[in-house]
C-alpha cells in the first residue's frame, strides 16, 4: 500500500518537538530508559499529580533499584513507602505485577505490548508509555490530555468516552513522530500541562496554534485522510 504523508503533519511535529525541548519538565523518570523505572513511575502517576510522585518515586527507586529487590518486600512495607500517594489498591497490583515479572519474565520488563498488557495493573496507556519511553517505540499515548488536544486541533467534540473512540485513537496515533516518539510524547504531555489546559487554554502561547482547527494552517483534513506515515 502506498502511503501519503502530509508535509504539514511533519511541520507540526517539528514545531512541537522544538517547543518541547525548551519547556521540558525535568521529572526524574524522564532521565532513564530503564523499563522497570518507567513502569513503576507510570503506575505511581495513575490518577496522581506528578509533583506528588517525584519524592516518592525517588526514594522508591533508591530503595528498590531493580525488580528482584522489589520482589522481596511485603505488602505492609510497600504500603508505608507508598502511603502518601493514596490508592491502596495500587500496592496490591504492584505486588501482583512484580510476581508476574519474576515468574513469567525472569525478573525483566517485557518489550512486547501483549506481554505488558498481561501484567496486573498495566493498562493500554501504561504499556504504550513504557514502550515509548523505554525503547523509543512509536506508541500513541491516548489519555485525557491527548484527547483534549486532538479534539481542539480537529474541532471534534470531546466526551468521557473519547479515549475509546476509534477516530480519536487513529488521529492521535497518526500524529506521533515515527522517528522521535519519546520527544514527541513528552512535548505533547507538556503542552497539555502548560498551555492547552482543560479549562483555560492559553492559545496565544501555543506553538502549534496555527495548526489548530481555527488556525490558518489547519491540518485536520490532511490527517484524517492518511492512514499512516513512514519514517520521515
C-alpha atoms as a PDB file:
ATOM      1  CA  UNK A   1       0.000   0.000   0.000  1.00  0.00           C
ATOM      2  CA  UNK A   2       1.358   3.401  -0.947  1.00  0.00           C
ATOM      3  CA  UNK A   3       1.440   5.819   1.986  1.00  0.00           C
ATOM      4  CA  UNK A   4       0.911   9.547   1.629  1.00  0.00           C
ATOM      5  CA  UNK A   5       2.384  11.843   4.257  1.00  0.00           C
ATOM      6  CA  UNK A   6       1.362  15.410   4.833  1.00  0.00           C
ATOM      7  CA  UNK A   7       4.169  17.943   4.980  1.00  0.00           C
ATOM      8  CA  UNK A   8       2.035  19.914   7.408  1.00  0.00           C
ATOM      9  CA  UNK A   9       1.988  16.983   9.818  1.00  0.00           C
ATOM     10  CA  UNK A  10       5.773  16.812   9.640  1.00  0.00           C
ATOM     11  CA  UNK A  11       5.983  20.560  10.298  1.00  0.00           C
ATOM     12  CA  UNK A  12       3.596  20.198  13.241  1.00  0.00           C
ATOM     13  CA  UNK A  13       5.825  17.542  14.772  1.00  0.00           C
ATOM     14  CA  UNK A  14       8.950  19.628  14.263  1.00  0.00           C
ATOM     15  CA  UNK A  15       7.444  22.700  15.906  1.00  0.00           C
ATOM     16  CA  UNK A  16       6.024  20.737  18.837  1.00  0.00           C
ATOM     17  CA  UNK A  17       9.276  18.865  19.496  1.00  0.00           C
ATOM     18  CA  UNK A  18      11.320  22.088  19.302  1.00  0.00           C
ATOM     19  CA  UNK A  19       8.946  23.736  21.777  1.00  0.00           C
ATOM     20  CA  UNK A  20       9.126  20.654  23.984  1.00  0.00           C
ATOM     21  CA  UNK A  21      12.900  20.933  24.287  1.00  0.00           C
ATOM     22  CA  UNK A  22      12.518  24.475  25.610  1.00  0.00           C
ATOM     23  CA  UNK A  23       9.692  23.630  28.021  1.00  0.00           C
ATOM     24  CA  UNK A  24      10.737  20.138  29.105  1.00  0.00           C
ATOM     25  CA  UNK A  25       9.601  19.258  32.641  1.00  0.00           C
ATOM     26  CA  UNK A  26      12.619  17.540  34.271  1.00  0.00           C
ATOM     27  CA  UNK A  27      10.940  14.738  36.185  1.00  0.00           C
ATOM     28  CA  UNK A  28      13.416  12.067  37.362  1.00  0.00           C
ATOM     29  CA  UNK A  29      11.726   9.259  35.417  1.00  0.00           C
ATOM     30  CA  UNK A  30      12.375  11.206  32.211  1.00  0.00           C
ATOM     31  CA  UNK A  31      16.127  10.754  32.585  1.00  0.00           C
ATOM     32  CA  UNK A  32      16.146   6.978  32.401  1.00  0.00           C
ATOM     33  CA  UNK A  33      15.473   4.350  29.775  1.00  0.00           C
ATOM     34  CA  UNK A  34      15.072   1.605  32.379  1.00  0.00           C
ATOM     35  CA  UNK A  35      11.800  -0.213  31.613  1.00  0.00           C
ATOM     36  CA  UNK A  36      11.445  -1.072  35.315  1.00  0.00           C
ATOM     37  CA  UNK A  37      11.836   2.531  36.484  1.00  0.00           C
ATOM     38  CA  UNK A  38       9.491   3.809  33.810  1.00  0.00           C
ATOM     39  CA  UNK A  39       6.889   1.136  34.524  1.00  0.00           C
ATOM     40  CA  UNK A  40       6.870   1.968  38.234  1.00  0.00           C
ATOM     41  CA  UNK A  41       6.648   5.690  37.536  1.00  0.00           C
ATOM     42  CA  UNK A  42       3.637   5.191  35.269  1.00  0.00           C
ATOM     43  CA  UNK A  43       1.871   3.087  37.895  1.00  0.00           C
ATOM     44  CA  UNK A  44       2.535   5.793  40.502  1.00  0.00           C
ATOM     45  CA  UNK A  45       1.368   8.552  38.157  1.00  0.00           C
ATOM     46  CA  UNK A  46      -2.003   6.904  37.618  1.00  0.00           C
ATOM     47  CA  UNK A  47      -4.602   9.354  38.966  1.00  0.00           C
ATOM     48  CA  UNK A  48      -1.858  11.205  40.870  1.00  0.00           C
ATOM     49  CA  UNK A  49      -0.188  14.592  40.300  1.00  0.00           C
ATOM     50  CA  UNK A  50       3.396  14.343  39.075  1.00  0.00           C
ATOM     51  CA  UNK A  51       4.618  16.742  41.768  1.00  0.00           C
ATOM     52  CA  UNK A  52       3.353  14.302  44.415  1.00  0.00           C
ATOM     53  CA  UNK A  53       5.078  11.384  42.754  1.00  0.00           C
ATOM     54  CA  UNK A  54       8.581  12.908  42.489  1.00  0.00           C
ATOM     55  CA  UNK A  55       9.778  12.426  46.116  1.00  0.00           C
ATOM     56  CA  UNK A  56       8.087   9.034  46.454  1.00  0.00           C
ATOM     57  CA  UNK A  57       9.492   7.762  43.167  1.00  0.00           C
ATOM     58  CA  UNK A  58      13.000   8.977  44.005  1.00  0.00           C
ATOM     59  CA  UNK A  59      13.065   7.221  47.377  1.00  0.00           C
ATOM     60  CA  UNK A  60      11.376   4.146  45.943  1.00  0.00           C
ATOM     61  CA  UNK A  61      13.986   3.637  43.216  1.00  0.00           C
ATOM     62  CA  UNK A  62      16.810   4.178  45.702  1.00  0.00           C
ATOM     63  CA  UNK A  63      15.318   1.559  47.997  1.00  0.00           C
ATOM     64  CA  UNK A  64      14.288  -0.936  45.320  1.00  0.00           C
ATOM     65  CA  UNK A  65      16.653  -0.372  42.372  1.00  0.00           C
ATOM     66  CA  UNK A  66      15.514  -3.448  40.462  1.00  0.00           C
ATOM     67  CA  UNK A  67      12.649  -5.907  40.223  1.00  0.00           C
ATOM     68  CA  UNK A  68      14.330  -8.526  42.378  1.00  0.00           C
ATOM     69  CA  UNK A  69      14.769  -6.065  45.236  1.00  0.00           C
ATOM     70  CA  UNK A  70      11.099  -5.122  44.991  1.00  0.00           C
ATOM     71  CA  UNK A  71      10.018  -8.762  44.836  1.00  0.00           C
ATOM     72  CA  UNK A  72      11.498  -9.321  48.288  1.00  0.00           C
ATOM     73  CA  UNK A  73       9.218  -6.825  50.093  1.00  0.00           C
ATOM     74  CA  UNK A  74       5.861  -7.476  51.730  1.00  0.00           C
ATOM     75  CA  UNK A  75       2.631  -5.553  51.384  1.00  0.00           C
ATOM     76  CA  UNK A  76       2.941  -3.682  54.673  1.00  0.00           C
ATOM     77  CA  UNK A  77       6.394  -2.372  53.873  1.00  0.00           C
ATOM     78  CA  UNK A  78       5.264  -1.275  50.438  1.00  0.00           C
ATOM     79  CA  UNK A  79       2.238   0.448  51.928  1.00  0.00           C
ATOM     80  CA  UNK A  80       4.463   2.524  54.187  1.00  0.00           C
ATOM     81  CA  UNK A  81       6.619   3.581  51.271  1.00  0.00           C
ATOM     82  CA  UNK A  82       3.687   4.495  49.015  1.00  0.00           C
ATOM     83  CA  UNK A  83       1.131   5.648  51.580  1.00  0.00           C
ATOM     84  CA  UNK A  84       1.449   9.333  50.681  1.00  0.00           C
ATOM     85  CA  UNK A  85       0.166   8.593  47.183  1.00  0.00           C
ATOM     86  CA  UNK A  86      -3.059   7.022  48.414  1.00  0.00           C
ATOM     87  CA  UNK A  87      -4.916   4.428  46.320  1.00  0.00           C
ATOM     88  CA  UNK A  88      -4.078   1.426  48.483  1.00  0.00           C
ATOM     89  CA  UNK A  89      -5.331  -0.965  45.793  1.00  0.00           C
ATOM     90  CA  UNK A  90      -2.365   0.124  43.685  1.00  0.00           C
ATOM     91  CA  UNK A  91       0.000  -1.556  46.166  1.00  0.00           C
ATOM     92  CA  UNK A  92      -1.600  -4.969  45.672  1.00  0.00           C
ATOM     93  CA  UNK A  93      -1.385  -4.507  41.919  1.00  0.00           C
ATOM     94  CA  UNK A  94       2.327  -3.686  42.148  1.00  0.00           C
ATOM     95  CA  UNK A  95       2.957  -6.817  44.190  1.00  0.00           C
ATOM     96  CA  UNK A  96       0.994  -8.962  41.729  1.00  0.00           C
ATOM     97  CA  UNK A  97       2.731  -7.293  38.793  1.00  0.00           C
ATOM     98  CA  UNK A  98       6.188  -7.952  40.235  1.00  0.00           C
ATOM     99  CA  UNK A  99       5.269 -11.548  40.984  1.00  0.00           C
ATOM    100  CA  UNK A 100       4.272 -11.953  37.338  1.00  0.00           C
ATOM    101  CA  UNK A 101       7.513 -10.393  36.132  1.00  0.00           C
ATOM    102  CA  UNK A 102       9.525 -12.772  38.282  1.00  0.00           C
ATOM    103  CA  UNK A 103       7.619 -15.932  37.426  1.00  0.00           C
ATOM    104  CA  UNK A 104       6.976 -15.353  33.733  1.00  0.00           C
ATOM    105  CA  UNK A 105       9.691 -12.979  32.501  1.00  0.00           C
ATOM    106  CA  UNK A 106      12.692 -13.844  34.673  1.00  0.00           C
ATOM    107  CA  UNK A 107      12.583 -10.530  36.513  1.00  0.00           C
ATOM    108  CA  UNK A 108      12.665  -8.404  33.335  1.00  0.00           C
ATOM    109  CA  UNK A 109      10.097  -5.999  31.917  1.00  0.00           C
ATOM    110  CA  UNK A 110       8.993  -7.375  28.529  1.00  0.00           C
ATOM    111  CA  UNK A 111       9.010  -5.139  25.473  1.00  0.00           C
ATOM    112  CA  UNK A 112       6.133  -6.828  23.645  1.00  0.00           C
ATOM    113  CA  UNK A 113       2.881  -4.995  24.204  1.00  0.00           C
ATOM    114  CA  UNK A 114       0.793  -8.123  24.652  1.00  0.00           C
ATOM    115  CA  UNK A 115       3.153  -9.270  27.397  1.00  0.00           C
ATOM    116  CA  UNK A 116       2.963  -5.933  29.175  1.00  0.00           C
ATOM    117  CA  UNK A 117      -0.824  -5.939  28.959  1.00  0.00           C
ATOM    118  CA  UNK A 118      -0.903  -9.388  30.533  1.00  0.00           C
ATOM    119  CA  UNK A 119       0.533  -7.961  33.761  1.00  0.00           C
ATOM    120  CA  UNK A 120      -1.832  -6.930  36.581  1.00  0.00           C
ATOM    121  CA  UNK A 121      -2.430  -3.188  36.677  1.00  0.00           C
ATOM    122  CA  UNK A 122      -0.912  -2.490  33.264  1.00  0.00           C
ATOM    123  CA  UNK A 123      -3.385  -0.628  31.062  1.00  0.00           C
ATOM    124  CA  UNK A 124      -3.025   0.123  27.364  1.00  0.00           C
ATOM    125  CA  UNK A 125      -1.760   3.589  28.264  1.00  0.00           C
ATOM    126  CA  UNK A 126       0.880   2.301  30.685  1.00  0.00           C
ATOM    127  CA  UNK A 127       2.036  -0.370  28.224  1.00  0.00           C
ATOM    128  CA  UNK A 128       2.312   2.233  25.465  1.00  0.00           C
ATOM    129  CA  UNK A 129       4.162   4.685  27.722  1.00  0.00           C
ATOM    130  CA  UNK A 130       6.707   2.044  28.773  1.00  0.00           C
ATOM    131  CA  UNK A 131       7.338   1.016  25.170  1.00  0.00           C
ATOM    132  CA  UNK A 132       7.703   4.614  24.051  1.00  0.00           C
ATOM    133  CA  UNK A 133       9.855   5.990  26.864  1.00  0.00           C
ATOM    134  CA  UNK A 134      11.993   2.906  27.464  1.00  0.00           C
ATOM    135  CA  UNK A 135      12.534   1.751  23.871  1.00  0.00           C
ATOM    136  CA  UNK A 136      11.567   4.868  21.875  1.00  0.00           C
ATOM    137  CA  UNK A 137       8.876   2.961  20.004  1.00  0.00           C
ATOM    138  CA  UNK A 138       6.204   4.978  18.133  1.00  0.00           C
ATOM    139  CA  UNK A 139       3.348   4.419  20.554  1.00  0.00           C
ATOM    140  CA  UNK A 140       0.377   6.751  20.841  1.00  0.00           C
ATOM    141  CA  UNK A 141      -0.415   7.758  24.424  1.00  0.00           C
ATOM    142  CA  UNK A 142      -4.181   8.029  24.403  1.00  0.00           C
ATOM    143  CA  UNK A 143      -5.214   9.753  27.615  1.00  0.00           C
ATOM    144  CA  UNK A 144      -7.372  12.749  28.503  1.00  0.00           C
ATOM    145  CA  UNK A 145      -4.525  15.103  27.597  1.00  0.00           C
ATOM    146  CA  UNK A 146      -4.013  13.724  24.094  1.00  0.00           C
ATOM    147  CA  UNK A 147      -7.754  13.520  23.501  1.00  0.00           C
ATOM    148  CA  UNK A 148      -8.249  17.134  24.601  1.00  0.00           C
ATOM    149  CA  UNK A 149      -5.537  18.384  22.249  1.00  0.00           C
ATOM    150  CA  UNK A 150      -6.795  16.252  19.357  1.00  0.00           C
ATOM    151  CA  UNK A 151     -10.327  17.484  19.909  1.00  0.00           C
ATOM    152  CA  UNK A 152      -9.224  21.107  19.764  1.00  0.00           C
ATOM    153  CA  UNK A 153      -6.908  20.605  16.801  1.00  0.00           C
ATOM    154  CA  UNK A 154      -9.589  18.935  14.720  1.00  0.00           C
ATOM    155  CA  UNK A 155     -12.703  20.618  16.074  1.00  0.00           C
ATOM    156  CA  UNK A 156     -14.104  17.395  17.472  1.00  0.00           C
ATOM    157  CA  UNK A 157     -16.411  17.161  20.470  1.00  0.00           C
ATOM    158  CA  UNK A 158     -14.655  15.569  23.414  1.00  0.00           C
ATOM    159  CA  UNK A 159     -16.646  13.260  25.659  1.00  0.00           C
ATOM    160  CA  UNK A 160     -15.790  10.961  28.551  1.00  0.00           C
ATOM    161  CA  UNK A 161     -15.832   8.102  26.057  1.00  0.00           C
ATOM    162  CA  UNK A 162     -13.493   9.789  23.557  1.00  0.00           C
ATOM    163  CA  UNK A 163     -10.453   7.829  24.744  1.00  0.00           C
ATOM    164  CA  UNK A 164     -12.149   4.704  23.440  1.00  0.00           C
ATOM    165  CA  UNK A 165     -13.314   6.358  20.232  1.00  0.00           C
ATOM    166  CA  UNK A 166     -11.673   4.867  17.143  1.00  0.00           C
ATOM    167  CA  UNK A 167     -11.461   8.193  15.337  1.00  0.00           C
ATOM    168  CA  UNK A 168      -9.630   9.867  18.207  1.00  0.00           C
ATOM    169  CA  UNK A 169      -7.264   6.945  18.611  1.00  0.00           C
ATOM    170  CA  UNK A 170      -6.393   6.920  14.907  1.00  0.00           C
ATOM    171  CA  UNK A 171      -5.748  10.674  14.865  1.00  0.00           C
ATOM    172  CA  UNK A 172      -3.522  10.543  17.939  1.00  0.00           C
ATOM    173  CA  UNK A 173      -1.617   7.576  16.523  1.00  0.00           C
ATOM    174  CA  UNK A 174      -1.021   9.243  13.150  1.00  0.00           C
ATOM    175  CA  UNK A 175       0.305  12.407  14.789  1.00  0.00           C
ATOM    176  CA  UNK A 176       3.114  10.614  16.659  1.00  0.00           C
ATOM    177  CA  UNK A 177       6.565  11.292  15.251  1.00  0.00           C
ATOM    178  CA  UNK A 178       7.786   7.900  13.958  1.00  0.00           C
ATOM    179  CA  UNK A 179      11.460   8.736  14.477  1.00  0.00           C
ATOM    180  CA  UNK A 180      11.335  10.676  17.766  1.00  0.00           C
ATOM    181  CA  UNK A 181       8.257   9.335  19.562  1.00  0.00           C
ATOM    182  CA  UNK A 182       9.800   9.821  23.010  1.00  0.00           C
ATOM    183  CA  UNK A 183      10.485  13.513  22.422  1.00  0.00           C
ATOM    184  CA  UNK A 184       7.133  13.984  20.718  1.00  0.00           C
ATOM    185  CA  UNK A 185       5.083  12.428  23.509  1.00  0.00           C
ATOM    186  CA  UNK A 186       6.936  14.308  26.241  1.00  0.00           C
ATOM    187  CA  UNK A 187       6.295  17.534  24.331  1.00  0.00           C
ATOM    188  CA  UNK A 188       2.606  16.693  23.923  1.00  0.00           C
ATOM    189  CA  UNK A 189       2.242  15.993  27.649  1.00  0.00           C
ATOM    190  CA  UNK A 190       3.996  19.258  28.497  1.00  0.00           C
ATOM    191  CA  UNK A 191       1.854  21.204  26.034  1.00  0.00           C
ATOM    192  CA  UNK A 192      -1.283  19.859  27.699  1.00  0.00           C
ATOM    193  CA  UNK A 193       0.047  20.783  31.137  1.00  0.00           C
ATOM    194  CA  UNK A 194       1.480  24.212  30.380  1.00  0.00           C
ATOM    195  CA  UNK A 195      -0.595  25.592  27.508  1.00  0.00           C
ATOM    196  CA  UNK A 196      -3.536  23.514  26.294  1.00  0.00           C
ATOM    197  CA  UNK A 197      -5.168  23.267  29.703  1.00  0.00           C
ATOM    198  CA  UNK A 198      -8.627  21.868  30.219  1.00  0.00           C
ATOM    199  CA  UNK A 199     -10.449  24.971  31.435  1.00  0.00           C
ATOM    200  CA  UNK A 200      -8.337  27.918  30.302  1.00  0.00           C
ATOM    201  CA  UNK A 201      -6.156  27.088  27.307  1.00  0.00           C
ATOM    202  CA  UNK A 202      -3.504  29.730  26.643  1.00  0.00           C
ATOM    203  CA  UNK A 203      -3.885  29.765  22.884  1.00  0.00           C
ATOM    204  CA  UNK A 204      -1.750  32.895  22.432  1.00  0.00           C
ATOM    205  CA  UNK A 205       1.188  30.932  23.878  1.00  0.00           C
ATOM    206  CA  UNK A 206       0.588  27.782  21.861  1.00  0.00           C
ATOM    207  CA  UNK A 207       3.420  26.926  19.445  1.00  0.00           C
ATOM    208  CA  UNK A 208       1.060  24.959  17.193  1.00  0.00           C
ATOM    209  CA  UNK A 209      -1.970  27.250  17.282  1.00  0.00           C
ATOM    210  CA  UNK A 210      -1.617  27.828  13.548  1.00  0.00           C
ATOM    211  CA  UNK A 211      -2.394  24.136  13.052  1.00  0.00           C
ATOM    212  CA  UNK A 212      -5.463  24.178  15.259  1.00  0.00           C
ATOM    213  CA  UNK A 213      -8.927  23.811  13.710  1.00  0.00           C
ATOM    214  CA  UNK A 214      -9.443  27.551  13.989  1.00  0.00           C
ATOM    215  CA  UNK A 215      -5.925  28.414  12.869  1.00  0.00           C
ATOM    216  CA  UNK A 216      -4.717  29.499   9.444  1.00  0.00           C
ATOM    217  CA  UNK A 217      -2.883  26.259   8.620  1.00  0.00           C
ATOM    218  CA  UNK A 218      -5.360  23.668   9.804  1.00  0.00           C
ATOM    219  CA  UNK A 219      -4.103  20.148   9.135  1.00  0.00           C
ATOM    220  CA  UNK A 220      -7.356  18.482  10.138  1.00  0.00           C
ATOM    221  CA  UNK A 221      -8.431  17.234   6.714  1.00  0.00           C
ATOM    222  CA  UNK A 222      -4.979  16.017   5.791  1.00  0.00           C
ATOM    223  CA  UNK A 223      -4.560  13.955   8.933  1.00  0.00           C
ATOM    224  CA  UNK A 224      -7.973  12.404   8.607  1.00  0.00           C
ATOM    225  CA  UNK A 225      -7.209  11.376   5.022  1.00  0.00           C
ATOM    226  CA  UNK A 226      -3.990   9.465   5.704  1.00  0.00           C
ATOM    227  CA  UNK A 227      -3.729   6.036   7.285  1.00  0.00           C
ATOM    228  CA  UNK A 228      -0.084   6.041   8.288  1.00  0.00           C
ATOM    229  CA  UNK A 229       3.212   7.790   7.739  1.00  0.00           C
ATOM    230  CA  UNK A 230       6.536   6.100   7.131  1.00  0.00           C
ATOM    231  CA  UNK A 231       9.562   7.416   8.941  1.00  0.00           C
ATOM    232  CA  UNK A 232      10.407  10.878   7.730  1.00  0.00           C
END
